[in-house]
Amino acid sequence: MVVPCYIGFKRYGEEMQFVEMILNENERVVAKPGTIMYKDGQIGMETLIGGGSGTDEGFFMGEGLSMIMFSNLACDKASIAFSASYPGSIIAIDLAEYGGSLICQKNAFLCAAKVSSFKVYQQKQMGESYSEDKDDIMLRLEGNGVIFLHAAGTGIKKNMQAGHSLELETGCLVAMTTGIDYRVRNAKNNHPGISGGSSATLVTIKGSGSVWVQSISFSKMADEICKAACGGNKEETKDIHNPFEGMSELAHLFDRDQT
């Protein structure tokens, strides 16, 4: 039986939310690098580097992952806040309500309290081909704590029933419970009027459980801004400095470790 976690927190804002957490003595929170907004001075911090084994702090950190751990080293309560770098909403999920485990998009993860294991989700079942998009990378989180995810744009929860399937773009998937099976495939587009005739990378979700989705894929939003800035005609704009040049790569910046 998974015991519920009790942690004090409050979300602020609407389109550009942040979350403030209250830590008691010796309480800790783990966050993705680059998400810290502010903290009381008594809260210490250290980097956790994953090597596929347990750490001295009692966490299992999967190979290739890194997180920042913040600890309240004083007797008094202390506050700490986290935020994402683009518009959206923060979703709080108590792992105890979902059997102590959840799968989430790596880009969507913000921070977590009393979560004991972080690792790359390996059960990725591929269809026709694999998408190299960073939106594909998923994490499996385990423990009895609360996790905070950032959904770009508007985030919603959908409850899945056995026998029901759902298809969505990879960048719109935020998280799902462990009872959900998903398959990634490239759907060929035979209609030039739709998405410019290009293919779309879709996730097919089946099974009984819960799925959280977001209305915006940040990588696609960056691409659209770049296209608009270029005017859609490379010949006319090749000699004009484009202030948005390279903006399509911004989505990948949020997946890099920042200290």
C-alpha atoms as a PDB file:
ATOM      1  CA  MET A   1       0.000   0.000   0.000  1.00  0.00           C
ATOM      2  CA  VAL A   2       1.331   3.428  -0.979  1.00  0.00           C
ATOM      3  CA  VAL A   3       1.040   6.010   1.807  1.00  0.00           C
ATOM      4  CA  PRO A   4      -0.059   9.485   0.612  1.00  0.00           C
ATOM      5  CA  CYS A   5       2.489  12.284   0.806  1.00  0.00           C
ATOM      6  CA  TYR A   6       1.629  15.541   2.549  1.00  0.00           C
ATOM      7  CA  ILE A   7       3.573  18.526   1.301  1.00  0.00           C
ATOM      8  CA  GLY A   8       2.624  22.171   1.508  1.00  0.00           C
ATOM      9  CA  PHE A   9       2.525  23.959  -1.840  1.00  0.00           C
ATOM     10  CA  LYS A  10       0.706  26.729  -3.693  1.00  0.00           C
ATOM     11  CA  ARG A  11       0.463  27.504  -7.394  1.00  0.00           C
ATOM     12  CA  TYR A  12       0.506  31.137  -8.537  1.00  0.00           C
ATOM     13  CA  GLY A  13      -0.516  32.736 -11.819  1.00  0.00           C
ATOM     14  CA  GLU A  14      -2.587  31.672 -14.793  1.00  0.00           C
ATOM     15  CA  GLU A  15      -0.744  31.409 -18.141  1.00  0.00           C
ATOM     16  CA  MET A  16       2.763  31.641 -16.619  1.00  0.00           C
ATOM     17  CA  GLN A  17       2.447  29.641 -13.426  1.00  0.00           C
ATOM     18  CA  PHE A  18       4.992  28.826 -10.770  1.00  0.00           C
ATOM     19  CA  VAL A  19       4.722  26.632  -7.688  1.00  0.00           C
ATOM     20  CA  GLU A  20       5.975  27.462  -4.189  1.00  0.00           C
ATOM     21  CA  MET A  21       6.653  24.617  -1.757  1.00  0.00           C
ATOM     22  CA  ILE A  22       7.118  24.706   2.014  1.00  0.00           C
ATOM     23  CA  LEU A  23       9.798  22.352   3.347  1.00  0.00           C
ATOM     24  CA  ASN A  24      10.003  21.243   6.958  1.00  0.00           C
ATOM     25  CA  GLU A  25      13.298  20.342   8.618  1.00  0.00           C
ATOM     26  CA  ASN A  26      15.252  17.763   6.562  1.00  0.00           C
ATOM     27  CA  GLU A  27      12.614  17.653   3.844  1.00  0.00           C
ATOM     28  CA  ARG A  28      13.899  17.528   0.284  1.00  0.00           C
ATOM     29  CA  VAL A  29      12.670  18.215  -3.221  1.00  0.00           C
ATOM     30  CA  VAL A  30      14.229  17.122  -6.510  1.00  0.00           C
ATOM     31  CA  ALA A  31      13.935  19.352  -9.586  1.00  0.00           C
ATOM     32  CA  LYS A  32      14.990  19.460 -13.201  1.00  0.00           C
ATOM     33  CA  PRO A  33      18.047  21.692 -13.701  1.00  0.00           C
ATOM     34  CA  GLY A  34      17.153  25.237 -14.692  1.00  0.00           C
ATOM     35  CA  THR A  35      13.699  25.340 -13.054  1.00  0.00           C
ATOM     36  CA  ILE A  36      14.578  27.039  -9.731  1.00  0.00           C
ATOM     37  CA  MET A  37      12.902  30.441  -9.301  1.00  0.00           C
ATOM     38  CA  TYR A  38      13.868  31.361  -5.714  1.00  0.00           C
ATOM     39  CA  LYS A  39      14.595  29.717  -2.353  1.00  0.00           C
ATOM     40  CA  ASP A  40      15.248  30.631   1.261  1.00  0.00           C
ATOM     41  CA  GLY A  41      18.938  30.832   2.096  1.00  0.00           C
ATOM     42  CA  GLN A  42      18.808  27.915   4.548  1.00  0.00           C
ATOM     43  CA  ILE A  43      17.969  25.482   1.741  1.00  0.00           C
ATOM     44  CA  GLY A  44      21.015  23.684   0.427  1.00  0.00           C
ATOM     45  CA  MET A  45      21.418  22.213  -3.052  1.00  0.00           C
ATOM     46  CA  GLU A  46      23.454  19.533  -4.763  1.00  0.00           C
ATOM     47  CA  THR A  47      23.540  17.841  -8.149  1.00  0.00           C
ATOM     48  CA  LEU A  48      22.500  14.204  -8.532  1.00  0.00           C
ATOM     49  CA  ILE A  49      24.121  12.456 -11.498  1.00  0.00           C
ATOM     50  CA  GLY A  50      22.511   9.226 -12.627  1.00  0.00           C
ATOM     51  CA  GLY A  51      24.653   6.164 -13.205  1.00  0.00           C
ATOM     52  CA  GLY A  52      21.993   3.463 -13.106  1.00  0.00           C
ATOM     53  CA  SER A  53      22.451   2.810  -9.369  1.00  0.00           C
ATOM     54  CA  GLY A  54      21.268   4.164  -6.034  1.00  0.00           C
ATOM     55  CA  THR A  55      22.673   7.361  -4.541  1.00  0.00           C
ATOM     56  CA  ASP A  56      23.759   8.133  -1.002  1.00  0.00           C
ATOM     57  CA  GLU A  57      20.627  10.252  -0.642  1.00  0.00           C
ATOM     58  CA  GLY A  58      18.360   7.217  -1.122  1.00  0.00           C
ATOM     59  CA  PHE A  59      17.374   7.985  -4.715  1.00  0.00           C
ATOM     60  CA  PHE A  60      17.683   5.785  -7.753  1.00  0.00           C
ATOM     61  CA  MET A  61      18.802   7.962 -10.640  1.00  0.00           C
ATOM     62  CA  GLY A  62      18.746   6.348 -14.075  1.00  0.00           C
ATOM     63  CA  GLU A  63      21.770   6.422 -16.330  1.00  0.00           C
ATOM     64  CA  GLY A  64      22.124   9.622 -18.339  1.00  0.00           C
ATOM     65  CA  LEU A  65      19.864  11.654 -16.035  1.00  0.00           C
ATOM     66  CA  SER A  66      20.728  14.521 -13.710  1.00  0.00           C
ATOM     67  CA  MET A  67      18.622  16.395 -11.179  1.00  0.00           C
ATOM     68  CA  ILE A  68      19.145  19.031  -8.493  1.00  0.00           C
ATOM     69  CA  MET A  69      18.240  18.099  -4.921  1.00  0.00           C
ATOM     70  CA  PHE A  70      17.233  20.881  -2.502  1.00  0.00           C
ATOM     71  CA  SER A  71      17.231  20.180   1.259  1.00  0.00           C
ATOM     72  CA  ASN A  72      16.018  22.260   4.209  1.00  0.00           C
ATOM     73  CA  LEU A  73      19.024  22.142   6.527  1.00  0.00           C
ATOM     74  CA  ALA A  74      17.507  24.264   9.313  1.00  0.00           C
ATOM     75  CA  CYS A  75      14.880  23.682  12.005  1.00  0.00           C
ATOM     76  CA  ASP A  76      12.505  26.316  10.679  1.00  0.00           C
ATOM     77  CA  LYS A  77      10.238  25.913   7.681  1.00  0.00           C
ATOM     78  CA  ALA A  78      11.597  27.202   4.387  1.00  0.00           C
ATOM     79  CA  SER A  79      10.102  28.049   1.019  1.00  0.00           C
ATOM     80  CA  ILE A  80      11.290  27.272  -2.490  1.00  0.00           C
ATOM     81  CA  ALA A  81       9.687  27.974  -5.870  1.00  0.00           C
ATOM     82  CA  PHE A  82       9.976  26.483  -9.353  1.00  0.00           C
ATOM     83  CA  SER A  83       8.773  27.608 -12.771  1.00  0.00           C
ATOM     84  CA  ALA A  84       9.014  26.622 -16.431  1.00  0.00           C
ATOM     85  CA  SER A  85      10.447  28.766 -19.217  1.00  0.00           C
ATOM     86  CA  TYR A  86       7.391  29.005 -21.464  1.00  0.00           C
ATOM     87  CA  PRO A  87       3.614  29.562 -21.030  1.00  0.00           C
ATOM     88  CA  GLY A  88       1.514  26.802 -19.540  1.00  0.00           C
ATOM     89  CA  SER A  89      -0.019  25.354 -16.400  1.00  0.00           C
ATOM     90  CA  ILE A  90       1.433  23.321 -13.547  1.00  0.00           C
ATOM     91  CA  ILE A  91      -0.174  19.963 -12.754  1.00  0.00           C
ATOM     92  CA  ALA A  92       0.258  18.431  -9.270  1.00  0.00           C
ATOM     93  CA  ILE A  93      -0.059  14.627  -9.130  1.00  0.00           C
ATOM     94  CA  ASP A  94       0.011  12.526  -5.950  1.00  0.00           C
ATOM     95  CA  LEU A  95       1.710   9.242  -6.889  1.00  0.00           C
ATOM     96  CA  ALA A  96      -0.144   7.432  -4.075  1.00  0.00           C
ATOM     97  CA  GLU A  97      -3.364   7.848  -6.058  1.00  0.00           C
ATOM     98  CA  TYR A  98      -1.844   5.959  -9.006  1.00  0.00           C
ATOM     99  CA  GLY A  99      -0.089   3.044  -7.336  1.00  0.00           C
ATOM    100  CA  GLY A 100       3.163   4.876  -6.639  1.00  0.00           C
ATOM    101  CA  SER A 101       4.336   5.140 -10.239  1.00  0.00           C
ATOM    102  CA  LEU A 102       3.810   7.407 -13.270  1.00  0.00           C
ATOM    103  CA  ILE A 103       5.270   7.887 -16.740  1.00  0.00           C
ATOM    104  CA  CYS A 104       5.859  11.487 -17.854  1.00  0.00           C
ATOM    105  CA  GLN A 105       7.459  13.411 -20.696  1.00  0.00           C
ATOM    106  CA  LYS A 106      10.975  14.486 -19.713  1.00  0.00           C
ATOM    107  CA  ASN A 107      10.367  18.044 -20.923  1.00  0.00           C
ATOM    108  CA  ALA A 108       7.207  18.255 -18.799  1.00  0.00           C
ATOM    109  CA  PHE A 109       8.856  17.290 -15.495  1.00  0.00           C
ATOM    110  CA  LEU A 110       9.342  20.258 -13.162  1.00  0.00           C
ATOM    111  CA  CYS A 111      10.000  18.984  -9.627  1.00  0.00           C
ATOM    112  CA  ALA A 112       8.981  16.309  -7.119  1.00  0.00           C
ATOM    113  CA  ALA A 113       8.833  15.744  -3.366  1.00  0.00           C
ATOM    114  CA  LYS A 114       9.418  12.299  -1.818  1.00  0.00           C
ATOM    115  CA  VAL A 115       9.985  10.532  -5.118  1.00  0.00           C
ATOM    116  CA  SER A 116      12.600   7.782  -4.787  1.00  0.00           C
ATOM    117  CA  SER A 117      13.301   6.707  -8.368  1.00  0.00           C
ATOM    118  CA  PHE A 118      13.907   8.515 -11.669  1.00  0.00           C
ATOM    119  CA  LYS A 119      14.714   6.567 -14.809  1.00  0.00           C
ATOM    120  CA  VAL A 120      14.172   6.644 -18.550  1.00  0.00           C
ATOM    121  CA  TYR A 121      11.073   4.702 -19.534  1.00  0.00           C
ATOM    122  CA  GLN A 122      12.235   1.769 -21.641  1.00  0.00           C
ATOM    123  CA  GLN A 123       8.979   0.148 -22.785  1.00  0.00           C
ATOM    124  CA  LYS A 124       8.759   2.290 -25.900  1.00  0.00           C
ATOM    125  CA  GLN A 125       7.003   0.264 -28.579  1.00  0.00           C
ATOM    126  CA  MET A 126       7.675   1.526 -32.078  1.00  0.00           C
ATOM    127  CA  GLY A 127       5.463   1.337 -35.110  1.00  0.00           C
ATOM    128  CA  GLU A 128       6.713   2.118 -38.612  1.00  0.00           C
ATOM    129  CA  SER A 129       9.640   4.266 -37.474  1.00  0.00           C
ATOM    130  CA  TYR A 130      11.068   6.042 -34.467  1.00  0.00           C
ATOM    131  CA  SER A 131      10.855   9.776 -34.000  1.00  0.00           C
ATOM    132  CA  GLU A 132      14.065  11.470 -32.852  1.00  0.00           C
ATOM    133  CA  ASP A 133      12.069  14.389 -31.409  1.00  0.00           C
ATOM    134  CA  LYS A 134      13.031  15.293 -27.841  1.00  0.00           C
ATOM    135  CA  ASP A 135       9.297  15.220 -27.044  1.00  0.00           C
ATOM    136  CA  ASP A 136       9.556  11.428 -27.252  1.00  0.00           C
ATOM    137  CA  ILE A 137      11.765  10.974 -24.167  1.00  0.00           C
ATOM    138  CA  MET A 138       9.768   9.657 -21.207  1.00  0.00           C
ATOM    139  CA  LEU A 139      10.629   9.221 -17.520  1.00  0.00           C
ATOM    140  CA  ARG A 140       9.303   6.681 -15.038  1.00  0.00           C
ATOM    141  CA  LEU A 141       8.880   8.183 -11.552  1.00  0.00           C
ATOM    142  CA  GLU A 142       8.300   6.025  -8.471  1.00  0.00           C
ATOM    143  CA  GLY A 143       7.662   6.774  -4.797  1.00  0.00           C
ATOM    144  CA  ASN A 144       4.972   8.023  -2.448  1.00  0.00           C
ATOM    145  CA  GLY A 145       5.393  11.701  -3.211  1.00  0.00           C
ATOM    146  CA  VAL A 146       3.898  14.515  -5.239  1.00  0.00           C
ATOM    147  CA  ILE A 147       5.219  15.395  -8.683  1.00  0.00           C
ATOM    148  CA  PHE A 148       4.728  18.689 -10.502  1.00  0.00           C
ATOM    149  CA  LEU A 149       4.480  18.674 -14.278  1.00  0.00           C
ATOM    150  CA  HIS A 150       4.336  21.648 -16.631  1.00  0.00           C
ATOM    151  CA  ALA A 151       1.807  21.410 -19.468  1.00  0.00           C
ATOM    152  CA  ALA A 152       2.422  23.833 -22.339  1.00  0.00           C
ATOM    153  CA  GLY A 153      -0.677  25.855 -23.148  1.00  0.00           C
ATOM    154  CA  THR A 154      -3.650  24.137 -21.513  1.00  0.00           C
ATOM    155  CA  GLY A 155      -3.339  20.762 -19.807  1.00  0.00           C
ATOM    156  CA  ILE A 156      -6.179  18.301 -19.288  1.00  0.00           C
ATOM    157  CA  LYS A 157      -6.600  14.799 -17.851  1.00  0.00           C
ATOM    158  CA  LYS A 158      -8.361  12.073 -19.834  1.00  0.00           C
ATOM    159  CA  ASN A 159      -9.498   8.807 -18.250  1.00  0.00           C
ATOM    160  CA  MET A 160      -9.088   5.775 -20.496  1.00  0.00           C
ATOM    161  CA  GLN A 161     -11.272   2.677 -20.387  1.00  0.00           C
ATOM    162  CA  ALA A 162     -10.279  -0.831 -21.480  1.00  0.00           C
ATOM    163  CA  GLY A 163     -10.690  -1.230 -25.230  1.00  0.00           C
ATOM    164  CA  HIS A 164     -10.504   2.523 -25.878  1.00  0.00           C
ATOM    165  CA  SER A 165      -7.669   4.016 -27.949  1.00  0.00           C
ATOM    166  CA  LEU A 166      -6.477   7.578 -28.408  1.00  0.00           C
ATOM    167  CA  GLU A 167      -4.104   9.065 -30.997  1.00  0.00           C
ATOM    168  CA  LEU A 168      -2.198  12.295 -30.409  1.00  0.00           C
ATOM    169  CA  GLU A 169       1.014  13.960 -31.483  1.00  0.00           C
ATOM    170  CA  THR A 170       4.043  13.027 -29.420  1.00  0.00           C
ATOM    171  CA  GLY A 171       4.544  16.610 -28.244  1.00  0.00           C
ATOM    172  CA  CYS A 172       1.034  16.734 -26.756  1.00  0.00           C
ATOM    173  CA  LEU A 173       1.564  13.807 -24.368  1.00  0.00           C
ATOM    174  CA  VAL A 174       2.447  14.978 -20.846  1.00  0.00           C
ATOM    175  CA  ALA A 175       2.045  11.888 -18.660  1.00  0.00           C
ATOM    176  CA  MET A 176       0.236   8.581 -18.274  1.00  0.00           C
ATOM    177  CA  THR A 177      -0.328   5.888 -15.672  1.00  0.00           C
ATOM    178  CA  THR A 178       1.606   2.631 -15.864  1.00  0.00           C
ATOM    179  CA  GLY A 179      -1.411   0.658 -17.096  1.00  0.00           C
ATOM    180  CA  ILE A 180      -1.319   2.506 -20.400  1.00  0.00           C
ATOM    181  CA  ASP A 181       0.387   1.015 -23.470  1.00  0.00           C
ATOM    182  CA  TYR A 182       1.591   3.335 -26.208  1.00  0.00           C
ATOM    183  CA  ARG A 183       3.080   3.021 -29.664  1.00  0.00           C
ATOM    184  CA  VAL A 184       4.897   5.716 -31.660  1.00  0.00           C
ATOM    185  CA  ARG A 185       4.549   5.811 -35.431  1.00  0.00           C
ATOM    186  CA  ASN A 186       4.922   8.188 -38.348  1.00  0.00           C
ATOM    187  CA  ALA A 187       1.544   8.708 -40.021  1.00  0.00           C
ATOM    188  CA  LYS A 188       1.924   9.483 -43.718  1.00  0.00           C
ATOM    189  CA  ASN A 189      -0.156  12.405 -44.931  1.00  0.00           C
ATOM    190  CA  ASN A 190      -1.631  11.950 -48.408  1.00  0.00           C
ATOM    191  CA  HIS A 191      -3.506  15.253 -48.334  1.00  0.00           C
ATOM    192  CA  PRO A 192      -1.201  18.206 -49.276  1.00  0.00           C
ATOM    193  CA  GLY A 193      -3.650  20.679 -47.755  1.00  0.00           C
ATOM    194  CA  ILE A 194      -3.092  19.216 -44.298  1.00  0.00           C
ATOM    195  CA  SER A 195       0.172  20.064 -42.497  1.00  0.00           C
ATOM    196  CA  GLY A 196       1.756  20.936 -45.837  1.00  0.00           C
ATOM    197  CA  GLY A 197       1.670  17.305 -46.942  1.00  0.00           C
ATOM    198  CA  SER A 198       4.271  16.256 -44.365  1.00  0.00           C
ATOM    199  CA  SER A 199       4.007  13.280 -42.068  1.00  0.00           C
ATOM    200  CA  ALA A 200       2.982  13.552 -38.434  1.00  0.00           C
ATOM    201  CA  THR A 201       4.481  11.599 -35.547  1.00  0.00           C
ATOM    202  CA  LEU A 202       1.606  10.137 -33.551  1.00  0.00           C
ATOM    203  CA  VAL A 203       1.284   8.237 -30.300  1.00  0.00           C
ATOM    204  CA  THR A 204      -1.405   5.562 -30.130  1.00  0.00           C
ATOM    205  CA  ILE A 205      -2.520   5.043 -26.532  1.00  0.00           C
ATOM    206  CA  LYS A 206      -4.469   2.011 -25.355  1.00  0.00           C
ATOM    207  CA  GLY A 207      -5.427   0.509 -22.020  1.00  0.00           C
ATOM    208  CA  SER A 208      -7.129   1.417 -18.787  1.00  0.00           C
ATOM    209  CA  GLY A 209      -5.810   4.367 -16.807  1.00  0.00           C
ATOM    210  CA  SER A 210      -5.261   8.122 -16.997  1.00  0.00           C
ATOM    211  CA  VAL A 211      -3.499  10.318 -19.557  1.00  0.00           C
ATOM    212  CA  TRP A 212      -2.534  13.998 -19.258  1.00  0.00           C
ATOM    213  CA  VAL A 213      -2.229  15.977 -22.494  1.00  0.00           C
ATOM    214  CA  GLN A 214      -1.221  19.535 -23.409  1.00  0.00           C
ATOM    215  CA  SER A 215      -2.551  21.798 -26.131  1.00  0.00           C
ATOM    216  CA  ILE A 216       0.854  22.997 -27.378  1.00  0.00           C
ATOM    217  CA  SER A 217       3.977  21.182 -28.478  1.00  0.00           C
ATOM    218  CA  PHE A 218       6.675  23.746 -27.740  1.00  0.00           C
ATOM    219  CA  SER A 219       8.943  22.526 -30.548  1.00  0.00           C
ATOM    220  CA  LYS A 220       6.119  23.058 -33.064  1.00  0.00           C
ATOM    221  CA  MET A 221       5.338  26.491 -31.644  1.00  0.00           C
ATOM    222  CA  ALA A 222       8.995  27.514 -32.091  1.00  0.00           C
ATOM    223  CA  ASP A 223       8.942  26.227 -35.679  1.00  0.00           C
ATOM    224  CA  GLU A 224       5.821  28.262 -36.498  1.00  0.00           C
ATOM    225  CA  ILE A 225       7.364  31.458 -35.083  1.00  0.00           C
ATOM    226  CA  CYS A 226      10.490  30.857 -37.141  1.00  0.00           C
ATOM    227  CA  LYS A 227       8.453  30.289 -40.316  1.00  0.00           C
ATOM    228  CA  ALA A 228       6.422  33.445 -39.748  1.00  0.00           C
ATOM    229  CA  ALA A 229       9.599  35.484 -39.196  1.00  0.00           C
ATOM    230  CA  CYS A 230      11.089  34.144 -42.431  1.00  0.00           C
ATOM    231  CA  GLY A 231       7.950  34.999 -44.394  1.00  0.00           C
ATOM    232  CA  GLY A 232       7.846  31.538 -45.940  1.00  0.00           C
ATOM    233  CA  ASN A 233      10.142  32.544 -48.846  1.00  0.00           C
ATOM    234  CA  LYS A 234      13.815  31.711 -48.408  1.00  0.00           C
ATOM    235  CA  GLU A 235      14.889  33.511 -51.631  1.00  0.00           C
ATOM    236  CA  GLU A 236      13.389  36.828 -50.521  1.00  0.00           C
ATOM    237  CA  THR A 237      14.754  36.643 -46.987  1.00  0.00           C
ATOM    238  CA  LYS A 238      18.153  35.001 -47.442  1.00  0.00           C
ATOM    239  CA  ASP A 239      20.016  38.331 -47.211  1.00  0.00           C
ATOM    240  CA  ILE A 240      17.880  39.708 -44.378  1.00  0.00           C
ATOM    241  CA  HIS A 241      18.945  39.170 -40.797  1.00  0.00           C
ATOM    242  CA  ASN A 242      16.324  37.058 -39.051  1.00  0.00           C
ATOM    243  CA  PRO A 243      16.211  37.715 -35.276  1.00  0.00           C
ATOM    244  CA  PHE A 244      14.387  34.398 -34.823  1.00  0.00           C
ATOM    245  CA  GLU A 245      16.988  32.378 -36.699  1.00  0.00           C
ATOM    246  CA  GLY A 246      17.582  29.109 -34.888  1.00  0.00           C
ATOM    247  CA  MET A 247      14.486  29.468 -32.727  1.00  0.00           C
ATOM    248  CA  SER A 248      13.330  26.004 -33.763  1.00  0.00           C
ATOM    249  CA  GLU A 249      16.224  24.741 -31.661  1.00  0.00           C
ATOM    250  CA  LEU A 250      14.885  26.463 -28.537  1.00  0.00           C
ATOM    251  CA  ALA A 251      12.778  23.461 -27.658  1.00  0.00           C
ATOM    252  CA  HIS A 252      15.931  21.395 -27.191  1.00  0.00           C
ATOM    253  CA  LEU A 253      17.451  23.950 -24.808  1.00  0.00           C
ATOM    254  CA  PHE A 254      14.831  23.096 -22.180  1.00  0.00           C
ATOM    255  CA  ASP A 255      16.006  19.477 -22.254  1.00  0.00           C
ATOM    256  CA  ARG A 256      19.635  20.316 -21.536  1.00  0.00           C
ATOM    257  CA  ASP A 257      21.097  20.361 -18.065  1.00  0.00           C
ATOM    258  CA  GLN A 258      21.320  23.868 -16.686  1.00  0.00           C
ATOM    259  CA  THR A 259      22.942  24.612 -13.374  1.00  0.00           C
END
